[in-house]
Amino acid sequence: MKYNLSEITDVIKNRRTIYPTFFSSRKVHKEIVEHLLNNATWAPTHGNTQPWKFQVYMGNSREKLSKNLGELYQLLTPKELYKEGKFKKISSRPFLSSVAIVVSMKRGDNEKIPEIEEVEAVACAIQNMCLTATAYGLGSFWSSPKFIYTPEMNKFLKLKTEDKCLGILYVGYPSIDWPKGQRKPIEYLTEWNE
């Protein structure tokens, strides 16, 4: 075997969503963030279009992200659905995290490649970041509130109309024990054809 398959399997099985509420104040170093981003770029991508774009918020820049997320939630949420608690949660997440990575799909010029395949490639890039974070013992939370898919979010991120924000990956050191997980056995999910 070329790689230690049990270690790879352990990283995959131990990846967990850990919410920023459960992050400690310990800072994630820039070199680790660079490693997350570098591993993200090795995701599969049809035609090698590499449609991902990353905007990293650390330190004081998190204030700008927090402010804009809060404003977008207030602006785009109908009054009957608006919740002050949700506003506070969305606004506080950048500060609870050591780093927030806004991940977008930057649509290329090759129209032969369907948009859905570009979105899937970026989702794989996010998974690579989550797995790398897990290997470092970092918690990660892929957040995708509804308003990130709007023209207003594109404007904030300086994206073109055809581009799409796919989420915000919050990363930090957990202040809790690593959560346990479970999945359905493949027997319930798989149809074999021979």
N, C-alpha and C. Protein backbone atom coordinates (compact mmCIF):
# COMPACT_ATOMS: atom_id res chain seq x y z
N MET A 1 0.85 -1.18 0.00
CA MET A 1 0.00 0.00 0.00
C MET A 1 0.90 1.25 0.00
N LYS A 2 0.51 2.24 -0.78
CA LYS A 2 1.34 3.44 -0.94
C LYS A 2 1.27 4.36 0.28
N TYR A 3 0.10 4.44 0.94
CA TYR A 3 -0.10 5.32 2.09
C TYR A 3 -0.67 4.52 3.25
N ASN A 4 -0.60 5.10 4.44
CA ASN A 4 -1.17 4.45 5.60
C ASN A 4 -2.68 4.65 5.56
N LEU A 5 -3.37 3.65 5.06
CA LEU A 5 -4.82 3.75 4.85
C LEU A 5 -5.60 3.90 6.14
N SER A 6 -5.10 3.29 7.22
CA SER A 6 -5.84 3.41 8.49
C SER A 6 -5.79 4.84 9.01
N GLU A 7 -4.68 5.55 8.82
CA GLU A 7 -4.60 6.95 9.25
C GLU A 7 -5.52 7.84 8.39
N ILE A 8 -5.52 7.60 7.09
CA ILE A 8 -6.40 8.38 6.20
C ILE A 8 -7.86 8.14 6.59
N THR A 9 -8.20 6.89 6.82
CA THR A 9 -9.58 6.55 7.22
C THR A 9 -9.94 7.20 8.54
N ASP A 10 -8.99 7.21 9.49
CA ASP A 10 -9.25 7.85 10.79
C ASP A 10 -9.53 9.34 10.63
N VAL A 11 -8.76 10.01 9.79
CA VAL A 11 -8.98 11.45 9.58
C VAL A 11 -10.38 11.66 8.98
N ILE A 12 -10.74 10.86 7.98
CA ILE A 12 -12.05 11.00 7.35
C ILE A 12 -13.17 10.75 8.36
N LYS A 13 -13.03 9.69 9.14
CA LYS A 13 -14.08 9.32 10.10
C LYS A 13 -14.16 10.27 11.29
N ASN A 14 -13.06 10.95 11.59
CA ASN A 14 -13.05 11.84 12.75
C ASN A 14 -13.36 13.30 12.42
N ARG A 15 -13.53 13.62 11.14
CA ARG A 15 -13.90 14.98 10.78
C ARG A 15 -15.27 15.28 11.39
N ARG A 16 -15.36 16.41 12.05
CA ARG A 16 -16.61 16.80 12.71
C ARG A 16 -16.88 18.27 12.49
N THR A 17 -18.15 18.60 12.49
CA THR A 17 -18.54 20.00 12.57
C THR A 17 -18.42 20.41 14.03
N ILE A 18 -17.60 21.42 14.27
CA ILE A 18 -17.49 21.98 15.62
C ILE A 18 -17.80 23.46 15.48
N TYR A 19 -18.86 23.89 16.14
CA TYR A 19 -19.33 25.27 16.01
C TYR A 19 -18.38 26.24 16.70
N PRO A 20 -18.26 27.46 16.17
CA PRO A 20 -17.36 28.45 16.77
C PRO A 20 -17.61 28.72 18.24
N THR A 21 -18.83 28.50 18.71
CA THR A 21 -19.14 28.64 20.14
C THR A 21 -18.22 27.77 20.99
N PHE A 22 -17.75 26.67 20.39
CA PHE A 22 -16.92 25.71 21.12
C PHE A 22 -15.44 25.82 20.77
N PHE A 23 -15.03 26.95 20.20
CA PHE A 23 -13.62 27.20 19.92
C PHE A 23 -12.98 27.91 21.12
N SER A 24 -11.71 27.62 21.35
CA SER A 24 -10.96 28.32 22.39
C SER A 24 -10.40 29.62 21.80
N SER A 25 -9.74 30.39 22.62
CA SER A 25 -9.14 31.65 22.16
C SER A 25 -7.76 31.43 21.53
N ARG A 26 -7.27 30.22 21.52
CA ARG A 26 -5.96 29.92 20.93
C ARG A 26 -5.97 30.25 19.43
N LYS A 27 -4.94 30.94 18.98
CA LYS A 27 -4.87 31.39 17.59
C LYS A 27 -4.31 30.30 16.67
N VAL A 28 -4.88 30.21 15.49
CA VAL A 28 -4.37 29.33 14.44
C VAL A 28 -3.33 30.13 13.65
N HIS A 29 -2.14 29.59 13.51
CA HIS A 29 -1.07 30.29 12.81
C HIS A 29 -1.32 30.33 11.31
N LYS A 30 -0.83 31.40 10.70
CA LYS A 30 -1.01 31.62 9.26
C LYS A 30 -0.47 30.45 8.43
N GLU A 31 0.62 29.84 8.87
CA GLU A 31 1.20 28.71 8.13
C GLU A 31 0.23 27.54 8.05
N ILE A 32 -0.53 27.32 9.11
CA ILE A 32 -1.53 26.25 9.10
C ILE A 32 -2.65 26.60 8.13
N VAL A 33 -3.09 27.85 8.15
CA VAL A 33 -4.14 28.29 7.22
C VAL A 33 -3.66 28.11 5.78
N GLU A 34 -2.41 28.46 5.52
CA GLU A 34 -1.85 28.26 4.18
C GLU A 34 -1.87 26.79 3.79
N HIS A 35 -1.59 25.90 4.74
CA HIS A 35 -1.64 24.46 4.47
C HIS A 35 -3.07 24.03 4.12
N LEU A 36 -4.05 24.54 4.86
CA LEU A 36 -5.46 24.24 4.55
C LEU A 36 -5.78 24.65 3.11
N LEU A 37 -5.37 25.86 2.75
CA LEU A 37 -5.67 26.39 1.42
C LEU A 37 -4.94 25.61 0.32
N ASN A 38 -3.67 25.29 0.58
CA ASN A 38 -2.92 24.51 -0.41
C ASN A 38 -3.56 23.15 -0.65
N ASN A 39 -3.98 22.49 0.42
CA ASN A 39 -4.64 21.20 0.25
C ASN A 39 -5.98 21.34 -0.45
N ALA A 40 -6.65 22.45 -0.22
CA ALA A 40 -7.93 22.69 -0.90
C ALA A 40 -7.76 22.68 -2.40
N THR A 41 -6.65 23.24 -2.88
CA THR A 41 -6.46 23.39 -4.33
C THR A 41 -6.17 22.07 -5.04
N TRP A 42 -6.02 21.00 -4.27
CA TRP A 42 -5.80 19.69 -4.89
C TRP A 42 -7.08 18.89 -5.03
N ALA A 43 -8.21 19.53 -4.87
CA ALA A 43 -9.50 18.87 -5.08
C ALA A 43 -9.67 18.54 -6.56
N PRO A 44 -10.47 17.52 -6.87
CA PRO A 44 -10.72 17.21 -8.28
C PRO A 44 -11.49 18.34 -8.96
N THR A 45 -11.14 18.63 -10.20
CA THR A 45 -11.78 19.70 -10.93
C THR A 45 -11.80 19.35 -12.42
N HIS A 46 -12.99 19.27 -12.99
CA HIS A 46 -13.16 18.92 -14.40
C HIS A 46 -12.47 19.97 -15.28
N GLY A 47 -11.62 19.51 -16.18
CA GLY A 47 -10.92 20.43 -17.06
C GLY A 47 -9.85 21.24 -16.35
N ASN A 48 -9.53 20.86 -15.11
CA ASN A 48 -8.54 21.58 -14.30
C ASN A 48 -8.83 23.08 -14.24
N THR A 49 -10.12 23.42 -14.14
CA THR A 49 -10.52 24.83 -14.10
C THR A 49 -10.16 25.50 -12.79
N GLN A 50 -10.03 24.72 -11.71
CA GLN A 50 -9.69 25.23 -10.39
C GLN A 50 -10.54 26.46 -10.04
N PRO A 51 -11.86 26.27 -9.90
CA PRO A 51 -12.79 27.40 -9.78
C PRO A 51 -12.92 28.02 -8.40
N TRP A 52 -12.05 27.68 -7.48
CA TRP A 52 -12.17 28.17 -6.11
C TRP A 52 -11.54 29.54 -5.92
N LYS A 53 -12.11 30.26 -5.00
CA LYS A 53 -11.55 31.56 -4.57
C LYS A 53 -11.70 31.62 -3.06
N PHE A 54 -10.64 32.00 -2.38
CA PHE A 54 -10.63 32.05 -0.93
C PHE A 54 -10.39 33.48 -0.46
N GLN A 55 -11.17 33.92 0.51
CA GLN A 55 -10.95 35.21 1.15
C GLN A 55 -10.81 34.93 2.65
N VAL A 56 -9.62 35.17 3.16
CA VAL A 56 -9.29 34.80 4.53
C VAL A 56 -9.41 36.01 5.44
N TYR A 57 -10.11 35.81 6.56
CA TYR A 57 -10.29 36.86 7.57
C TYR A 57 -9.67 36.38 8.88
N MET A 58 -8.62 37.10 9.29
CA MET A 58 -7.95 36.81 10.56
C MET A 58 -7.76 38.15 11.28
N GLY A 59 -7.50 38.08 12.56
CA GLY A 59 -7.22 39.31 13.30
C GLY A 59 -8.32 40.34 13.17
N ASN A 60 -7.93 41.59 12.97
CA ASN A 60 -8.90 42.69 12.92
C ASN A 60 -9.83 42.65 11.71
N SER A 61 -9.44 41.98 10.64
CA SER A 61 -10.30 41.93 9.46
C SER A 61 -11.61 41.19 9.72
N ARG A 62 -11.63 40.40 10.78
CA ARG A 62 -12.87 39.67 11.13
C ARG A 62 -13.99 40.65 11.46
N GLU A 63 -13.62 41.85 11.91
CA GLU A 63 -14.63 42.87 12.22
C GLU A 63 -15.42 43.25 10.97
N LYS A 64 -14.72 43.41 9.86
CA LYS A 64 -15.36 43.76 8.59
C LYS A 64 -16.33 42.65 8.16
N LEU A 65 -15.89 41.40 8.28
CA LEU A 65 -16.75 40.27 7.92
C LEU A 65 -17.97 40.22 8.82
N SER A 66 -17.77 40.37 10.12
CA SER A 66 -18.87 40.34 11.08
C SER A 66 -19.91 41.42 10.76
N LYS A 67 -19.43 42.62 10.54
CA LYS A 67 -20.31 43.75 10.25
C LYS A 67 -21.14 43.49 9.00
N ASN A 68 -20.48 43.02 7.94
CA ASN A 68 -21.19 42.78 6.69
C ASN A 68 -22.17 41.60 6.77
N LEU A 69 -21.79 40.55 7.47
CA LEU A 69 -22.72 39.42 7.63
C LEU A 69 -23.96 39.87 8.39
N GLY A 70 -23.76 40.64 9.46
CA GLY A 70 -24.90 41.14 10.23
C GLY A 70 -25.79 42.04 9.39
N GLU A 71 -25.19 42.95 8.64
CA GLU A 71 -25.97 43.86 7.79
C GLU A 71 -26.75 43.10 6.72
N LEU A 72 -26.12 42.09 6.12
CA LEU A 72 -26.81 41.31 5.09
C LEU A 72 -27.98 40.52 5.69
N TYR A 73 -27.76 39.97 6.87
CA TYR A 73 -28.86 39.25 7.52
C TYR A 73 -30.04 40.20 7.78
N GLN A 74 -29.75 41.39 8.30
CA GLN A 74 -30.82 42.36 8.58
C GLN A 74 -31.51 42.81 7.30
N LEU A 75 -30.75 43.08 6.27
CA LEU A 75 -31.28 43.58 5.01
C LEU A 75 -32.12 42.54 4.27
N LEU A 76 -31.69 41.29 4.28
CA LEU A 76 -32.29 40.27 3.41
C LEU A 76 -33.26 39.33 4.11
N THR A 77 -33.42 39.47 5.41
CA THR A 77 -34.34 38.60 6.13
C THR A 77 -35.69 39.30 6.28
N PRO A 78 -36.75 38.66 5.79
CA PRO A 78 -38.08 39.26 5.98
C PRO A 78 -38.37 39.49 7.46
N LYS A 79 -39.07 40.58 7.75
CA LYS A 79 -39.33 40.96 9.15
C LYS A 79 -39.94 39.83 9.97
N GLU A 80 -40.84 39.07 9.34
CA GLU A 80 -41.51 38.00 10.09
C GLU A 80 -40.57 36.83 10.40
N LEU A 81 -39.43 36.74 9.71
CA LEU A 81 -38.47 35.66 9.96
C LEU A 81 -37.24 36.11 10.73
N TYR A 82 -37.11 37.43 10.91
CA TYR A 82 -35.94 37.98 11.59
C TYR A 82 -35.92 37.57 13.06
N LYS A 83 -34.72 37.13 13.52
CA LYS A 83 -34.55 36.77 14.92
C LYS A 83 -33.28 37.44 15.43
N GLU A 84 -33.41 38.19 16.49
CA GLU A 84 -32.26 38.90 17.06
C GLU A 84 -31.16 37.93 17.47
N GLY A 85 -31.55 36.76 17.99
CA GLY A 85 -30.56 35.75 18.38
C GLY A 85 -29.75 35.25 17.20
N LYS A 86 -30.42 35.08 16.07
CA LYS A 86 -29.74 34.64 14.85
C LYS A 86 -28.77 35.73 14.37
N PHE A 87 -29.22 36.98 14.42
CA PHE A 87 -28.36 38.11 14.05
C PHE A 87 -27.09 38.11 14.90
N LYS A 88 -27.24 37.95 16.21
CA LYS A 88 -26.08 37.95 17.12
C LYS A 88 -25.16 36.77 16.83
N LYS A 89 -25.74 35.60 16.54
CA LYS A 89 -24.95 34.40 16.26
C LYS A 89 -24.12 34.61 14.98
N ILE A 90 -24.77 35.09 13.92
CA ILE A 90 -24.09 35.32 12.65
C ILE A 90 -22.98 36.36 12.80
N SER A 91 -23.27 37.41 13.54
CA SER A 91 -22.30 38.50 13.73
C SER A 91 -21.12 38.10 14.61
N SER A 92 -21.35 37.18 15.54
CA SER A 92 -20.29 36.82 16.49
C SER A 92 -19.35 35.72 15.98
N ARG A 93 -19.79 34.93 15.03
CA ARG A 93 -18.98 33.78 14.60
C ARG A 93 -17.57 34.17 14.14
N PRO A 94 -17.39 35.25 13.37
CA PRO A 94 -16.01 35.59 12.99
C PRO A 94 -15.10 35.85 14.19
N PHE A 95 -15.65 36.41 15.27
CA PHE A 95 -14.84 36.71 16.45
C PHE A 95 -14.59 35.48 17.30
N LEU A 96 -15.48 34.51 17.24
CA LEU A 96 -15.30 33.29 18.01
C LEU A 96 -14.29 32.36 17.35
N SER A 97 -14.00 32.62 16.07
CA SER A 97 -13.09 31.79 15.29
C SER A 97 -11.74 32.48 15.17
N SER A 98 -10.69 31.69 15.13
CA SER A 98 -9.38 32.25 14.90
C SER A 98 -9.27 32.74 13.46
N VAL A 99 -9.94 32.04 12.57
CA VAL A 99 -9.91 32.38 11.14
C VAL A 99 -11.25 32.03 10.50
N ALA A 100 -11.68 32.87 9.57
CA ALA A 100 -12.87 32.61 8.77
C ALA A 100 -12.44 32.67 7.31
N ILE A 101 -12.74 31.60 6.57
CA ILE A 101 -12.37 31.54 5.16
C ILE A 101 -13.65 31.54 4.34
N VAL A 102 -13.87 32.60 3.60
CA VAL A 102 -15.03 32.67 2.71
C VAL A 102 -14.62 31.98 1.42
N VAL A 103 -15.41 30.98 1.02
CA VAL A 103 -15.07 30.17 -0.14
C VAL A 103 -16.11 30.39 -1.23
N SER A 104 -15.62 30.74 -2.41
CA SER A 104 -16.52 31.02 -3.53
C SER A 104 -16.13 30.21 -4.75
N MET A 105 -17.11 30.04 -5.63
CA MET A 105 -16.89 29.42 -6.93
C MET A 105 -16.76 30.54 -7.94
N LYS A 106 -15.59 30.62 -8.54
CA LYS A 106 -15.32 31.63 -9.56
C LYS A 106 -15.51 30.96 -10.91
N ARG A 107 -16.58 31.32 -11.57
CA ARG A 107 -16.95 30.68 -12.83
C ARG A 107 -15.95 31.04 -13.92
N GLY A 108 -15.42 30.00 -14.58
CA GLY A 108 -14.46 30.21 -15.66
C GLY A 108 -15.16 30.47 -16.98
N ASP A 109 -14.34 30.60 -18.02
CA ASP A 109 -14.86 30.90 -19.36
C ASP A 109 -15.28 29.67 -20.14
N ASN A 110 -14.93 28.48 -19.65
CA ASN A 110 -15.24 27.25 -20.38
C ASN A 110 -16.70 26.84 -20.13
N GLU A 111 -17.57 27.23 -21.04
CA GLU A 111 -19.01 26.96 -20.88
C GLU A 111 -19.35 25.49 -21.10
N LYS A 112 -18.40 24.69 -21.59
CA LYS A 112 -18.65 23.26 -21.77
C LYS A 112 -18.77 22.55 -20.42
N ILE A 113 -18.16 23.16 -19.42
CA ILE A 113 -18.21 22.56 -18.08
C ILE A 113 -19.42 23.13 -17.35
N PRO A 114 -20.37 22.26 -16.97
CA PRO A 114 -21.57 22.74 -16.29
C PRO A 114 -21.24 23.41 -14.95
N GLU A 115 -22.03 24.41 -14.60
CA GLU A 115 -21.82 25.12 -13.35
C GLU A 115 -21.83 24.17 -12.15
N ILE A 116 -22.71 23.19 -12.17
CA ILE A 116 -22.80 22.26 -11.04
C ILE A 116 -21.48 21.56 -10.80
N GLU A 117 -20.72 21.28 -11.85
CA GLU A 117 -19.43 20.62 -11.67
C GLU A 117 -18.40 21.56 -11.04
N GLU A 118 -18.53 22.84 -11.30
CA GLU A 118 -17.65 23.82 -10.66
C GLU A 118 -18.00 23.94 -9.17
N VAL A 119 -19.29 23.93 -8.87
CA VAL A 119 -19.74 23.96 -7.48
C VAL A 119 -19.24 22.71 -6.74
N GLU A 120 -19.36 21.56 -7.39
CA GLU A 120 -18.91 20.31 -6.76
C GLU A 120 -17.41 20.34 -6.50
N ALA A 121 -16.64 20.90 -7.43
CA ALA A 121 -15.19 20.99 -7.24
C ALA A 121 -14.86 21.84 -6.01
N VAL A 122 -15.57 22.95 -5.85
CA VAL A 122 -15.32 23.82 -4.69
C VAL A 122 -15.75 23.12 -3.40
N ALA A 123 -16.83 22.36 -3.45
CA ALA A 123 -17.25 21.60 -2.27
C ALA A 123 -16.17 20.59 -1.88
N CYS A 124 -15.55 19.96 -2.87
CA CYS A 124 -14.44 19.04 -2.58
C CYS A 124 -13.26 19.78 -1.97
N ALA A 125 -13.00 20.99 -2.44
CA ALA A 125 -11.92 21.81 -1.87
C ALA A 125 -12.20 22.11 -0.40
N ILE A 126 -13.46 22.41 -0.09
CA ILE A 126 -13.83 22.68 1.31
C ILE A 126 -13.63 21.42 2.16
N GLN A 127 -14.01 20.27 1.61
CA GLN A 127 -13.80 19.01 2.34
C GLN A 127 -12.31 18.79 2.59
N ASN A 128 -11.46 19.08 1.60
CA ASN A 128 -10.01 18.94 1.82
C ASN A 128 -9.55 19.82 2.98
N MET A 129 -10.10 21.04 3.06
CA MET A 129 -9.73 21.92 4.17
C MET A 129 -10.21 21.35 5.50
N CYS A 130 -11.42 20.83 5.52
CA CYS A 130 -11.96 20.24 6.76
C CYS A 130 -11.13 19.05 7.22
N LEU A 131 -10.72 18.21 6.27
CA LEU A 131 -9.90 17.05 6.62
C LEU A 131 -8.52 17.47 7.12
N THR A 132 -7.95 18.47 6.49
CA THR A 132 -6.65 18.97 6.94
C THR A 132 -6.76 19.59 8.32
N ALA A 133 -7.84 20.34 8.56
CA ALA A 133 -8.08 20.91 9.88
C ALA A 133 -8.16 19.79 10.93
N THR A 134 -8.87 18.72 10.61
CA THR A 134 -9.01 17.59 11.52
C THR A 134 -7.64 17.00 11.84
N ALA A 135 -6.80 16.85 10.82
CA ALA A 135 -5.45 16.30 11.04
C ALA A 135 -4.64 17.17 11.99
N TYR A 136 -4.87 18.48 11.99
CA TYR A 136 -4.20 19.41 12.90
C TYR A 136 -4.87 19.45 14.28
N GLY A 137 -6.02 18.79 14.43
CA GLY A 137 -6.76 18.89 15.69
C GLY A 137 -7.58 20.15 15.78
N LEU A 138 -7.87 20.77 14.63
CA LEU A 138 -8.67 21.99 14.59
C LEU A 138 -10.13 21.66 14.32
N GLY A 139 -11.01 22.43 14.93
CA GLY A 139 -12.42 22.32 14.63
C GLY A 139 -12.73 23.16 13.41
N SER A 140 -13.74 22.74 12.65
CA SER A 140 -14.18 23.53 11.50
C SER A 140 -15.70 23.47 11.39
N PHE A 141 -16.25 24.54 10.87
CA PHE A 141 -17.70 24.65 10.68
C PHE A 141 -17.95 25.33 9.34
N TRP A 142 -18.58 24.61 8.42
CA TRP A 142 -18.93 25.13 7.11
C TRP A 142 -20.31 25.76 7.23
N SER A 143 -20.36 27.08 7.23
CA SER A 143 -21.61 27.82 7.41
C SER A 143 -22.11 28.31 6.06
N SER A 144 -23.41 28.14 5.83
CA SER A 144 -24.00 28.61 4.57
C SER A 144 -25.38 29.21 4.79
N PRO A 145 -25.44 30.35 5.50
CA PRO A 145 -26.74 31.00 5.67
C PRO A 145 -27.29 31.42 4.29
N LYS A 146 -28.60 31.44 4.17
CA LYS A 146 -29.25 31.67 2.87
C LYS A 146 -28.75 32.90 2.15
N PHE A 147 -28.45 33.96 2.87
CA PHE A 147 -28.10 35.22 2.21
C PHE A 147 -26.74 35.19 1.51
N ILE A 148 -25.94 34.14 1.73
CA ILE A 148 -24.64 34.12 1.04
C ILE A 148 -24.80 33.87 -0.46
N TYR A 149 -25.97 33.37 -0.86
CA TYR A 149 -26.21 33.07 -2.28
C TYR A 149 -26.82 34.25 -3.03
N THR A 150 -26.72 35.44 -2.49
CA THR A 150 -27.40 36.59 -3.06
C THR A 150 -26.43 37.53 -3.80
N PRO A 151 -26.99 38.35 -4.69
CA PRO A 151 -26.16 39.37 -5.35
C PRO A 151 -25.50 40.32 -4.35
N GLU A 152 -26.17 40.58 -3.23
CA GLU A 152 -25.61 41.47 -2.21
C GLU A 152 -24.32 40.89 -1.62
N MET A 153 -24.30 39.56 -1.40
CA MET A 153 -23.08 38.92 -0.90
C MET A 153 -21.99 38.97 -1.96
N ASN A 154 -22.38 38.74 -3.22
CA ASN A 154 -21.39 38.85 -4.30
C ASN A 154 -20.77 40.24 -4.34
N LYS A 155 -21.61 41.25 -4.12
CA LYS A 155 -21.10 42.63 -4.14
C LYS A 155 -20.09 42.84 -3.02
N PHE A 156 -20.42 42.39 -1.82
CA PHE A 156 -19.50 42.52 -0.69
C PHE A 156 -18.18 41.82 -0.98
N LEU A 157 -18.24 40.64 -1.62
CA LEU A 157 -17.04 39.86 -1.90
C LEU A 157 -16.35 40.26 -3.19
N LYS A 158 -16.95 41.22 -3.91
CA LYS A 158 -16.42 41.67 -5.20
C LYS A 158 -16.36 40.52 -6.20
N LEU A 159 -17.43 39.73 -6.23
CA LEU A 159 -17.55 38.63 -7.17
C LEU A 159 -18.41 39.06 -8.36
N LYS A 160 -18.21 38.39 -9.48
CA LYS A 160 -19.03 38.65 -10.66
C LYS A 160 -20.40 37.99 -10.48
N THR A 161 -21.34 38.37 -11.31
CA THR A 161 -22.70 37.83 -11.24
C THR A 161 -22.72 36.32 -11.34
N GLU A 162 -21.88 35.76 -12.21
CA GLU A 162 -21.89 34.32 -12.45
C GLU A 162 -21.15 33.53 -11.36
N ASP A 163 -20.45 34.21 -10.47
CA ASP A 163 -19.74 33.55 -9.37
C ASP A 163 -20.71 33.31 -8.20
N LYS A 164 -20.32 32.41 -7.30
CA LYS A 164 -21.19 32.09 -6.16
C LYS A 164 -20.36 31.90 -4.90
N CYS A 165 -20.79 32.53 -3.84
CA CYS A 165 -20.23 32.21 -2.53
C CYS A 165 -20.84 30.88 -2.11
N LEU A 166 -20.01 29.96 -1.65
CA LEU A 166 -20.51 28.64 -1.25
C LEU A 166 -20.44 28.42 0.26
N GLY A 167 -19.91 29.39 0.97
CA GLY A 167 -19.92 29.24 2.42
C GLY A 167 -18.76 29.92 3.09
N ILE A 168 -18.82 29.88 4.40
CA ILE A 168 -17.77 30.42 5.24
C ILE A 168 -17.28 29.27 6.11
N LEU A 169 -15.99 29.00 6.01
CA LEU A 169 -15.41 27.95 6.84
C LEU A 169 -14.76 28.61 8.04
N TYR A 170 -15.36 28.37 9.21
CA TYR A 170 -14.82 28.88 10.47
C TYR A 170 -13.89 27.82 11.06
N VAL A 171 -12.71 28.26 11.49
CA VAL A 171 -11.70 27.33 11.97
C VAL A 171 -11.14 27.82 13.30
N GLY A 172 -10.95 26.89 14.22
CA GLY A 172 -10.37 27.23 15.52
C GLY A 172 -10.03 25.99 16.31
N TYR A 173 -9.30 26.18 17.38
CA TYR A 173 -8.98 25.07 18.27
C TYR A 173 -10.18 24.81 19.17
N PRO A 174 -10.63 23.56 19.27
CA PRO A 174 -11.80 23.28 20.11
C PRO A 174 -11.50 23.46 21.59
N SER A 175 -12.52 23.90 22.31
CA SER A 175 -12.43 24.00 23.77
C SER A 175 -13.17 22.84 24.43
N ILE A 176 -13.63 21.90 23.62
CA ILE A 176 -14.39 20.73 24.10
C ILE A 176 -13.67 19.46 23.66
N ASP A 177 -14.09 18.33 24.25
CA ASP A 177 -13.59 17.04 23.78
C ASP A 177 -14.07 16.82 22.35
N TRP A 178 -13.25 16.14 21.58
CA TRP A 178 -13.60 15.89 20.18
C TRP A 178 -14.89 15.06 20.12
N PRO A 179 -15.90 15.55 19.40
CA PRO A 179 -17.19 14.84 19.36
C PRO A 179 -17.09 13.48 18.67
N LYS A 180 -17.91 12.57 19.12
CA LYS A 180 -18.05 11.26 18.48
C LYS A 180 -19.05 11.40 17.33
N GLY A 181 -19.01 10.47 16.42
CA GLY A 181 -19.94 10.52 15.29
C GLY A 181 -20.40 9.12 14.91
N GLN A 182 -21.37 9.09 14.03
CA GLN A 182 -21.83 7.81 13.50
C GLN A 182 -22.43 8.04 12.13
N ARG A 183 -22.45 6.99 11.34
CA ARG A 183 -23.04 7.02 10.02
C ARG A 183 -23.85 5.75 9.81
N LYS A 184 -24.80 5.82 8.90
CA LYS A 184 -25.57 4.63 8.55
C LYS A 184 -24.64 3.63 7.87
N PRO A 185 -24.85 2.32 8.11
CA PRO A 185 -24.04 1.32 7.41
C PRO A 185 -24.32 1.39 5.91
N ILE A 186 -23.31 1.07 5.12
CA ILE A 186 -23.45 1.16 3.67
C ILE A 186 -24.55 0.24 3.13
N GLU A 187 -24.90 -0.79 3.88
CA GLU A 187 -25.96 -1.71 3.43
C GLU A 187 -27.28 -0.98 3.21
N TYR A 188 -27.51 0.09 3.96
CA TYR A 188 -28.75 0.85 3.83
C TYR A 188 -28.70 1.87 2.68
N LEU A 189 -27.52 2.09 2.14
CA LEU A 189 -27.33 3.18 1.19
C LEU A 189 -26.85 2.73 -0.18
N THR A 190 -26.56 1.44 -0.32
CA THR A 190 -25.86 0.98 -1.51
C THR A 190 -26.66 -0.08 -2.25
N GLU A 191 -26.69 0.05 -3.55
CA GLU A 191 -27.23 -0.98 -4.43
C GLU A 191 -26.08 -1.51 -5.26
N TRP A 192 -25.80 -2.81 -5.13
CA TRP A 192 -24.69 -3.42 -5.86
C TRP A 192 -25.20 -3.97 -7.18
N ASN A 193 -24.47 -3.73 -8.23
CA ASN A 193 -24.80 -4.28 -9.55
C ASN A 193 -23.58 -5.03 -10.08
N GLU A 194 -23.78 -6.32 -10.34
CA GLU A 194 -22.63 -7.13 -10.83
C GLU A 194 -23.02 -7.86 -12.10
